[in-house]
């Protein structure tokens, strides 16, 4: 091999290695970044037809979808969370983009009893992914938000919100 060809070959290999490292770093950052960047923003006012936020100082919104396997996998947590939130005076809403009938069947099959089930595009309440849990104040402002399948620590954090 010609000496300059070895240098070109080395330079190409180094460039490929650098590109690989950059792409891997960007993918890792996107995968591991804090959930906070994905949440609806605290302080954002949301409006949901059929929800009267003023009935309670704290409202719990479960933004779910019948096609979300994380929602289904989290059913046991929701079965504990809903009665806890209600016992502390929170109004509880489940919001799903599917029809009301499909949403009711889905929640019943999961054994999750939510008093108020509403059909709405999730984007209308500033939700981009499911499951998302929101604590909304009496004026319709988001106070806290959690997105995705939650760790045991995050589940405890939410339960403590209602103690």
N, C-alpha and C. Protein backbone atom coordinates (compact mmCIF):
# COMPACT_ATOMS: atom_id res chain seq x y z
N UNK A 1 0.84 -1.17 0.00
CA UNK A 1 0.00 0.00 0.00
C UNK A 1 0.89 1.25 0.00
N UNK A 2 0.50 2.24 -0.73
CA UNK A 2 1.24 3.49 -0.84
C UNK A 2 1.15 4.22 0.50
N UNK A 3 2.24 4.87 0.96
CA UNK A 3 2.22 5.53 2.27
C UNK A 3 1.08 6.53 2.44
N UNK A 4 0.78 7.33 1.42
CA UNK A 4 -0.31 8.30 1.57
C UNK A 4 -1.66 7.60 1.67
N UNK A 5 -1.80 6.41 1.05
CA UNK A 5 -3.06 5.65 1.13
C UNK A 5 -3.30 5.16 2.55
N UNK A 6 -2.22 4.81 3.26
CA UNK A 6 -2.35 4.39 4.66
C UNK A 6 -2.87 5.55 5.51
N UNK A 7 -2.38 6.75 5.21
CA UNK A 7 -2.82 7.93 5.96
C UNK A 7 -4.29 8.23 5.68
N UNK A 8 -4.70 8.13 4.44
CA UNK A 8 -6.10 8.36 4.08
C UNK A 8 -6.98 7.31 4.75
N UNK A 9 -6.52 6.05 4.71
CA UNK A 9 -7.26 4.96 5.34
C UNK A 9 -7.40 5.21 6.85
N UNK A 10 -6.34 5.64 7.49
CA UNK A 10 -6.36 5.95 8.92
C UNK A 10 -7.31 7.12 9.20
N UNK A 11 -7.25 8.15 8.38
CA UNK A 11 -8.12 9.33 8.56
C UNK A 11 -9.59 8.94 8.40
N UNK A 12 -9.91 8.10 7.43
CA UNK A 12 -11.29 7.65 7.23
C UNK A 12 -11.75 6.84 8.43
N UNK A 13 -10.91 5.96 8.92
CA UNK A 13 -11.28 5.14 10.08
C UNK A 13 -11.52 6.01 11.32
N UNK A 14 -10.69 7.01 11.51
CA UNK A 14 -10.86 7.92 12.65
C UNK A 14 -12.16 8.71 12.49
N UNK A 15 -12.43 9.19 11.28
CA UNK A 15 -13.67 9.94 11.03
C UNK A 15 -14.89 9.05 11.29
N UNK A 16 -14.85 7.82 10.84
CA UNK A 16 -15.97 6.89 11.07
C UNK A 16 -16.15 6.62 12.56
N UNK A 17 -15.03 6.45 13.27
CA UNK A 17 -15.10 6.22 14.70
C UNK A 17 -15.71 7.44 15.41
N UNK A 18 -15.29 8.63 15.04
CA UNK A 18 -15.84 9.85 15.63
C UNK A 18 -17.34 9.97 15.34
N UNK A 19 -17.74 9.68 14.13
CA UNK A 19 -19.15 9.75 13.76
C UNK A 19 -19.96 8.73 14.58
N UNK A 20 -19.43 7.54 14.74
CA UNK A 20 -20.10 6.51 15.52
C UNK A 20 -20.26 6.96 16.98
N UNK A 21 -19.20 7.51 17.56
CA UNK A 21 -19.25 7.98 18.94
C UNK A 21 -20.29 9.09 19.09
N UNK A 22 -20.33 10.03 18.14
CA UNK A 22 -21.29 11.14 18.22
C UNK A 22 -22.73 10.63 18.12
N UNK A 23 -22.98 9.74 17.17
CA UNK A 23 -24.33 9.21 17.00
C UNK A 23 -24.75 8.42 18.24
N UNK A 24 -23.84 7.63 18.78
CA UNK A 24 -24.14 6.86 19.99
C UNK A 24 -24.42 7.78 21.17
N UNK A 25 -23.61 8.82 21.32
CA UNK A 25 -23.81 9.77 22.41
C UNK A 25 -25.15 10.48 22.29
N UNK A 26 -25.53 10.90 21.08
CA UNK A 26 -26.82 11.56 20.88
C UNK A 26 -27.98 10.61 21.18
N UNK A 27 -27.86 9.37 20.74
CA UNK A 27 -28.92 8.39 21.00
C UNK A 27 -29.03 8.11 22.49
N UNK A 28 -27.90 7.98 23.16
CA UNK A 28 -27.92 7.73 24.61
C UNK A 28 -28.51 8.91 25.36
N UNK A 29 -28.16 10.11 24.96
CA UNK A 29 -28.69 11.31 25.62
C UNK A 29 -30.21 11.37 25.46
N UNK A 30 -30.68 11.07 24.27
CA UNK A 30 -32.13 11.11 24.02
C UNK A 30 -32.84 10.03 24.83
N UNK A 31 -32.22 8.87 24.93
CA UNK A 31 -32.83 7.75 25.66
C UNK A 31 -32.82 7.98 27.16
N UNK A 32 -31.73 8.50 27.69
CA UNK A 32 -31.56 8.61 29.14
C UNK A 32 -31.89 9.97 29.71
N UNK A 33 -32.21 10.94 28.89
CA UNK A 33 -32.45 12.28 29.43
C UNK A 33 -33.60 12.26 30.43
N UNK A 34 -33.64 13.27 31.25
CA UNK A 34 -34.64 13.40 32.30
C UNK A 34 -36.04 13.43 31.71
N UNK A 35 -36.98 12.81 32.44
CA UNK A 35 -38.39 12.83 32.02
C UNK A 35 -38.94 14.24 31.94
N UNK A 36 -38.32 15.18 32.68
CA UNK A 36 -38.86 16.53 32.76
C UNK A 36 -39.03 17.19 31.40
N UNK A 37 -38.15 16.86 30.45
CA UNK A 37 -38.24 17.49 29.14
C UNK A 37 -39.45 16.98 28.35
N UNK A 38 -40.03 15.87 28.78
CA UNK A 38 -41.14 15.28 28.04
C UNK A 38 -42.49 15.62 28.66
N UNK A 39 -42.48 16.22 29.82
CA UNK A 39 -43.72 16.46 30.54
C UNK A 39 -44.46 17.68 30.01
N UNK A 40 -45.76 17.64 30.17
CA UNK A 40 -46.47 18.90 30.02
C UNK A 40 -45.91 19.84 31.10
N UNK A 41 -45.80 21.09 30.80
CA UNK A 41 -45.16 22.04 31.71
C UNK A 41 -46.05 22.38 32.89
N UNK A 42 -45.45 22.36 34.08
CA UNK A 42 -46.16 22.82 35.27
C UNK A 42 -46.54 24.28 35.04
N UNK A 43 -47.74 24.62 35.46
CA UNK A 43 -48.23 25.97 35.27
C UNK A 43 -49.05 26.15 34.00
N UNK A 44 -48.99 25.17 33.11
CA UNK A 44 -49.78 25.22 31.88
C UNK A 44 -51.25 24.99 32.23
N UNK A 45 -52.11 25.83 31.72
CA UNK A 45 -53.55 25.67 31.95
C UNK A 45 -54.09 24.74 30.87
N UNK A 46 -54.86 23.75 31.31
CA UNK A 46 -55.47 22.84 30.35
C UNK A 46 -56.99 22.90 30.48
N UNK A 47 -57.63 22.63 29.40
CA UNK A 47 -59.09 22.62 29.36
C UNK A 47 -59.52 21.28 28.81
N UNK A 48 -60.48 20.69 29.47
CA UNK A 48 -60.95 19.38 29.06
C UNK A 48 -62.47 19.36 29.15
N UNK A 49 -63.16 19.31 28.02
CA UNK A 49 -64.62 19.26 28.06
C UNK A 49 -65.09 18.10 28.93
N UNK A 50 -65.97 18.43 29.87
CA UNK A 50 -66.49 17.42 30.78
C UNK A 50 -65.80 17.39 32.13
N UNK A 51 -64.68 18.11 32.25
CA UNK A 51 -63.95 18.15 33.52
C UNK A 51 -64.16 19.51 34.18
N UNK A 52 -64.69 19.47 35.39
CA UNK A 52 -64.85 20.69 36.17
C UNK A 52 -63.76 20.68 37.24
N UNK A 53 -62.64 21.33 36.94
CA UNK A 53 -61.50 21.34 37.85
C UNK A 53 -61.85 21.99 39.19
N UNK A 54 -62.79 22.93 39.18
CA UNK A 54 -63.08 23.72 40.38
C UNK A 54 -63.72 22.91 41.50
N UNK A 55 -64.13 21.69 41.23
CA UNK A 55 -64.76 20.87 42.27
C UNK A 55 -63.76 20.37 43.31
N UNK A 56 -62.48 20.47 43.00
CA UNK A 56 -61.46 19.99 43.92
C UNK A 56 -60.20 20.83 43.78
N UNK A 57 -59.47 20.97 44.87
CA UNK A 57 -58.18 21.68 44.80
C UNK A 57 -57.13 20.86 44.08
N UNK A 58 -57.30 19.54 44.11
CA UNK A 58 -56.40 18.64 43.40
C UNK A 58 -57.22 17.71 42.52
N UNK A 59 -56.80 17.61 41.29
CA UNK A 59 -57.44 16.70 40.34
C UNK A 59 -56.37 15.80 39.78
N UNK A 60 -56.65 14.51 39.72
CA UNK A 60 -55.72 13.55 39.14
C UNK A 60 -56.23 13.16 37.76
N UNK A 61 -55.38 13.31 36.77
CA UNK A 61 -55.73 12.94 35.40
C UNK A 61 -54.83 11.79 34.98
N UNK A 62 -55.46 10.69 34.59
CA UNK A 62 -54.75 9.54 34.03
C UNK A 62 -54.93 9.62 32.52
N UNK A 63 -53.91 10.02 31.80
CA UNK A 63 -53.97 10.07 30.33
C UNK A 63 -53.45 8.73 29.83
N UNK A 64 -54.36 7.94 29.29
CA UNK A 64 -54.06 6.56 28.91
C UNK A 64 -54.49 6.31 27.47
N UNK A 65 -54.18 5.12 27.00
CA UNK A 65 -54.64 4.68 25.70
C UNK A 65 -54.85 3.17 25.75
N UNK A 66 -55.88 2.71 25.08
CA UNK A 66 -56.14 1.27 25.05
C UNK A 66 -55.04 0.51 24.31
N UNK A 67 -54.24 1.20 23.54
CA UNK A 67 -53.17 0.56 22.77
C UNK A 67 -51.80 0.67 23.44
N UNK A 68 -51.77 1.21 24.64
CA UNK A 68 -50.51 1.46 25.36
C UNK A 68 -50.20 0.29 26.30
N UNK A 69 -49.18 -0.48 25.98
CA UNK A 69 -48.85 -1.62 26.86
C UNK A 69 -48.31 -1.17 28.21
N UNK A 70 -47.68 0.00 28.29
CA UNK A 70 -47.22 0.52 29.59
C UNK A 70 -48.42 0.86 30.47
N UNK A 71 -49.50 1.35 29.87
CA UNK A 71 -50.71 1.64 30.62
C UNK A 71 -51.26 0.35 31.23
N UNK A 72 -51.33 -0.69 30.42
CA UNK A 72 -51.83 -1.98 30.91
C UNK A 72 -50.93 -2.55 32.00
N UNK A 73 -49.63 -2.44 31.79
CA UNK A 73 -48.67 -2.96 32.78
C UNK A 73 -48.73 -2.19 34.10
N UNK A 74 -49.24 -0.98 34.08
CA UNK A 74 -49.31 -0.14 35.28
C UNK A 74 -50.65 -0.24 35.99
N UNK A 75 -51.53 -1.12 35.54
CA UNK A 75 -52.89 -1.20 36.08
C UNK A 75 -52.91 -1.43 37.59
N UNK A 76 -52.04 -2.27 38.10
CA UNK A 76 -52.04 -2.53 39.54
C UNK A 76 -51.77 -1.25 40.33
N UNK A 77 -50.86 -0.43 39.85
CA UNK A 77 -50.57 0.85 40.50
C UNK A 77 -51.81 1.76 40.44
N UNK A 78 -52.48 1.82 39.29
CA UNK A 78 -53.67 2.66 39.16
C UNK A 78 -54.79 2.20 40.09
N UNK A 79 -54.88 0.87 40.29
CA UNK A 79 -55.91 0.34 41.20
C UNK A 79 -55.66 0.81 42.64
N UNK A 80 -54.42 1.06 43.00
CA UNK A 80 -54.10 1.60 44.34
C UNK A 80 -54.20 3.12 44.37
N UNK A 81 -53.75 3.76 43.28
CA UNK A 81 -53.68 5.22 43.24
C UNK A 81 -55.05 5.89 43.26
N UNK A 82 -55.97 5.41 42.45
CA UNK A 82 -57.27 6.08 42.32
C UNK A 82 -57.99 6.19 43.67
N UNK A 83 -58.14 5.09 44.43
CA UNK A 83 -58.83 5.24 45.72
C UNK A 83 -58.06 6.12 46.72
N UNK A 84 -56.73 6.07 46.65
CA UNK A 84 -55.93 6.92 47.54
C UNK A 84 -56.17 8.39 47.22
N UNK A 85 -56.14 8.74 45.95
CA UNK A 85 -56.37 10.13 45.55
C UNK A 85 -57.79 10.57 45.95
N UNK A 86 -58.78 9.72 45.70
CA UNK A 86 -60.16 10.06 46.05
C UNK A 86 -60.33 10.23 47.57
N UNK A 87 -59.66 9.40 48.35
CA UNK A 87 -59.81 9.48 49.80
C UNK A 87 -59.19 10.76 50.36
N UNK A 88 -58.36 11.40 49.56
CA UNK A 88 -57.76 12.67 49.98
C UNK A 88 -58.40 13.86 49.26
N UNK A 89 -59.59 13.66 48.73
CA UNK A 89 -60.37 14.76 48.18
C UNK A 89 -60.11 15.11 46.73
N UNK A 90 -59.29 14.34 46.04
CA UNK A 90 -59.01 14.64 44.64
C UNK A 90 -60.11 14.09 43.74
N UNK A 91 -60.44 14.84 42.71
CA UNK A 91 -61.30 14.32 41.65
C UNK A 91 -60.38 13.57 40.70
N UNK A 92 -60.86 12.43 40.21
CA UNK A 92 -60.02 11.59 39.34
C UNK A 92 -60.68 11.44 37.98
N UNK A 93 -59.88 11.66 36.94
CA UNK A 93 -60.33 11.56 35.56
C UNK A 93 -59.41 10.61 34.80
N UNK A 94 -60.00 9.79 33.94
CA UNK A 94 -59.21 9.04 32.97
C UNK A 94 -59.55 9.66 31.61
N UNK A 95 -58.51 10.00 30.87
CA UNK A 95 -58.70 10.59 29.54
C UNK A 95 -58.03 9.67 28.54
N UNK A 96 -58.81 9.24 27.57
CA UNK A 96 -58.31 8.34 26.53
C UNK A 96 -58.75 8.86 25.17
N UNK A 97 -57.94 8.66 24.14
CA UNK A 97 -58.34 9.13 22.81
C UNK A 97 -59.36 8.22 22.12
N UNK A 98 -59.51 7.00 22.61
CA UNK A 98 -60.47 6.07 22.01
C UNK A 98 -61.89 6.43 22.44
N UNK A 99 -62.85 5.76 21.83
CA UNK A 99 -64.26 6.03 22.15
C UNK A 99 -64.53 5.77 23.63
N UNK A 100 -65.56 6.40 24.13
CA UNK A 100 -65.92 6.24 25.53
C UNK A 100 -66.21 4.77 25.85
N UNK A 101 -66.94 4.09 24.97
CA UNK A 101 -67.28 2.69 25.21
C UNK A 101 -66.03 1.82 25.25
N UNK A 102 -65.11 2.03 24.31
CA UNK A 102 -63.86 1.25 24.29
C UNK A 102 -63.02 1.54 25.53
N UNK A 103 -63.00 2.80 25.95
CA UNK A 103 -62.23 3.20 27.13
C UNK A 103 -62.81 2.56 28.39
N UNK A 104 -64.13 2.55 28.50
CA UNK A 104 -64.78 1.94 29.66
C UNK A 104 -64.49 0.44 29.71
N UNK A 105 -64.57 -0.25 28.57
CA UNK A 105 -64.27 -1.69 28.52
C UNK A 105 -62.81 -1.95 28.92
N UNK A 106 -61.92 -1.12 28.43
CA UNK A 106 -60.50 -1.27 28.71
C UNK A 106 -60.22 -1.13 30.21
N UNK A 107 -60.72 -0.06 30.80
CA UNK A 107 -60.48 0.17 32.23
C UNK A 107 -61.13 -0.92 33.08
N UNK A 108 -62.31 -1.36 32.69
CA UNK A 108 -62.99 -2.44 33.42
C UNK A 108 -62.16 -3.72 33.35
N UNK A 109 -61.63 -4.02 32.16
CA UNK A 109 -60.80 -5.22 32.00
C UNK A 109 -59.53 -5.15 32.86
N UNK A 110 -59.01 -3.94 33.05
CA UNK A 110 -57.82 -3.75 33.90
C UNK A 110 -58.18 -3.76 35.38
N UNK A 111 -59.47 -3.62 35.69
CA UNK A 111 -59.89 -3.55 37.09
C UNK A 111 -59.62 -2.19 37.70
N UNK A 112 -59.52 -1.17 36.84
CA UNK A 112 -59.27 0.20 37.31
C UNK A 112 -60.59 0.95 37.29
N UNK A 113 -61.04 1.34 38.47
CA UNK A 113 -62.33 2.02 38.59
C UNK A 113 -62.10 3.52 38.71
N UNK A 114 -62.35 4.22 37.62
CA UNK A 114 -62.19 5.68 37.58
C UNK A 114 -63.58 6.29 37.45
N UNK A 115 -63.92 7.22 38.35
CA UNK A 115 -65.28 7.76 38.34
C UNK A 115 -65.63 8.58 37.10
N UNK A 116 -64.64 9.23 36.49
CA UNK A 116 -64.93 10.09 35.35
C UNK A 116 -64.01 9.70 34.19
N UNK A 117 -64.60 9.10 33.17
CA UNK A 117 -63.85 8.69 31.99
C UNK A 117 -64.25 9.61 30.84
N UNK A 118 -63.26 10.23 30.22
CA UNK A 118 -63.53 11.19 29.16
C UNK A 118 -62.78 10.80 27.89
N UNK A 119 -63.39 11.06 26.75
CA UNK A 119 -62.76 10.83 25.46
C UNK A 119 -62.27 12.18 24.95
N UNK A 120 -60.97 12.23 24.64
CA UNK A 120 -60.41 13.48 24.12
C UNK A 120 -59.05 13.18 23.49
N UNK A 121 -58.70 13.90 22.43
CA UNK A 121 -57.33 13.77 21.92
C UNK A 121 -56.37 14.20 23.03
N UNK A 122 -55.34 13.42 23.27
CA UNK A 122 -54.44 13.72 24.37
C UNK A 122 -53.69 15.03 24.17
N UNK A 123 -53.50 15.43 22.93
CA UNK A 123 -52.84 16.70 22.66
C UNK A 123 -53.63 17.87 23.23
N UNK A 124 -54.93 17.70 23.38
CA UNK A 124 -55.77 18.79 23.89
C UNK A 124 -55.45 19.11 25.35
N UNK A 125 -54.81 18.17 26.05
CA UNK A 125 -54.40 18.44 27.44
C UNK A 125 -52.87 18.45 27.55
N UNK A 126 -52.23 18.75 26.44
CA UNK A 126 -50.77 18.92 26.40
C UNK A 126 -50.01 17.63 26.69
N UNK A 127 -50.60 16.48 26.34
CA UNK A 127 -49.98 15.19 26.56
C UNK A 127 -49.53 14.60 25.23
N UNK A 128 -48.25 14.21 25.17
CA UNK A 128 -47.71 13.67 23.93
C UNK A 128 -47.56 12.15 23.97
N UNK A 129 -47.52 11.55 25.15
CA UNK A 129 -47.32 10.11 25.25
C UNK A 129 -48.06 9.52 26.43
N UNK A 130 -48.27 8.22 26.39
CA UNK A 130 -48.98 7.54 27.46
C UNK A 130 -48.09 6.48 28.07
N UNK A 131 -48.33 6.18 29.33
CA UNK A 131 -49.24 6.87 30.23
C UNK A 131 -48.64 8.18 30.73
N UNK A 132 -49.50 9.13 30.98
CA UNK A 132 -49.10 10.39 31.62
C UNK A 132 -50.07 10.64 32.76
N UNK A 133 -49.53 10.98 33.91
CA UNK A 133 -50.35 11.32 35.07
C UNK A 133 -50.14 12.80 35.37
N UNK A 134 -51.24 13.49 35.60
CA UNK A 134 -51.19 14.92 35.89
C UNK A 134 -51.90 15.22 37.19
N UNK A 135 -51.36 16.13 37.96
CA UNK A 135 -52.09 16.72 39.08
C UNK A 135 -52.42 18.13 38.63
N UNK A 136 -53.71 18.43 38.61
CA UNK A 136 -54.21 19.70 38.10
C UNK A 136 -54.94 20.41 39.24
N UNK A 137 -54.71 21.71 39.38
CA UNK A 137 -55.36 22.46 40.46
C UNK A 137 -56.78 22.87 40.06
N UNK A 138 -57.45 23.57 40.95
CA UNK A 138 -58.85 23.95 40.76
C UNK A 138 -59.05 24.94 39.62
N UNK A 139 -57.96 25.57 39.14
CA UNK A 139 -58.06 26.51 38.01
C UNK A 139 -57.67 25.86 36.69
N UNK A 140 -57.35 24.56 36.72
CA UNK A 140 -56.98 23.86 35.49
C UNK A 140 -55.50 23.97 35.15
N UNK A 141 -54.69 24.38 36.12
CA UNK A 141 -53.25 24.47 35.88
C UNK A 141 -52.56 23.19 36.34
N UNK A 142 -51.67 22.71 35.49
CA UNK A 142 -50.90 21.51 35.83
C UNK A 142 -49.93 21.86 36.96
N UNK A 143 -50.00 21.10 38.03
CA UNK A 143 -49.06 21.29 39.14
C UNK A 143 -47.89 20.32 39.05
N UNK A 144 -48.19 19.07 38.68
CA UNK A 144 -47.16 18.04 38.57
C UNK A 144 -47.52 17.12 37.41
N UNK A 145 -46.48 16.51 36.83
CA UNK A 145 -46.72 15.58 35.72
C UNK A 145 -45.68 14.48 35.74
N UNK A 146 -46.11 13.30 35.37
CA UNK A 146 -45.22 12.14 35.23
C UNK A 146 -45.60 11.44 33.93
N UNK A 147 -44.60 11.00 33.19
CA UNK A 147 -44.87 10.33 31.92
C UNK A 147 -44.14 8.99 31.86
N UNK A 148 -44.79 8.04 31.21
CA UNK A 148 -44.17 6.74 30.98
C UNK A 148 -44.41 5.76 32.12
N UNK A 149 -43.89 4.57 31.92
CA UNK A 149 -43.98 3.53 32.95
C UNK A 149 -43.08 3.97 34.10
N UNK A 150 -43.62 3.95 35.29
CA UNK A 150 -42.94 4.53 36.44
C UNK A 150 -42.19 3.48 37.25
N UNK A 151 -41.07 3.89 37.80
CA UNK A 151 -40.33 3.05 38.73
C UNK A 151 -41.09 3.03 40.06
N UNK A 152 -40.72 2.12 40.93
CA UNK A 152 -41.33 2.06 42.25
C UNK A 152 -41.15 3.37 43.01
N UNK A 153 -39.99 4.00 42.85
CA UNK A 153 -39.72 5.28 43.51
C UNK A 153 -40.66 6.36 43.02
N UNK A 154 -40.88 6.43 41.72
CA UNK A 154 -41.79 7.44 41.15
C UNK A 154 -43.24 7.16 41.58
N UNK A 155 -43.62 5.88 41.64
CA UNK A 155 -44.96 5.54 42.12
C UNK A 155 -45.16 6.03 43.55
N UNK A 156 -44.16 5.82 44.41
CA UNK A 156 -44.24 6.29 45.80
C UNK A 156 -44.35 7.82 45.84
N UNK A 157 -43.62 8.49 44.96
CA UNK A 157 -43.68 9.95 44.89
C UNK A 157 -45.11 10.42 44.59
N UNK A 158 -45.76 9.75 43.65
CA UNK A 158 -47.13 10.13 43.29
C UNK A 158 -48.09 9.82 44.45
N UNK A 159 -47.93 8.66 45.07
CA UNK A 159 -48.80 8.32 46.19
C UNK A 159 -48.63 9.34 47.33
N UNK A 160 -47.43 9.81 47.56
CA UNK A 160 -47.18 10.78 48.62
C UNK A 160 -47.83 12.13 48.31
N UNK A 161 -48.08 12.41 47.03
CA UNK A 161 -48.77 13.63 46.64
C UNK A 161 -50.16 13.68 47.26
N UNK A 162 -50.74 12.52 47.48
CA UNK A 162 -52.11 12.43 48.00
C UNK A 162 -52.16 11.98 49.45
N UNK A 163 -51.12 12.24 50.20
CA UNK A 163 -51.13 11.92 51.66
C UNK A 163 -51.02 13.18 52.47
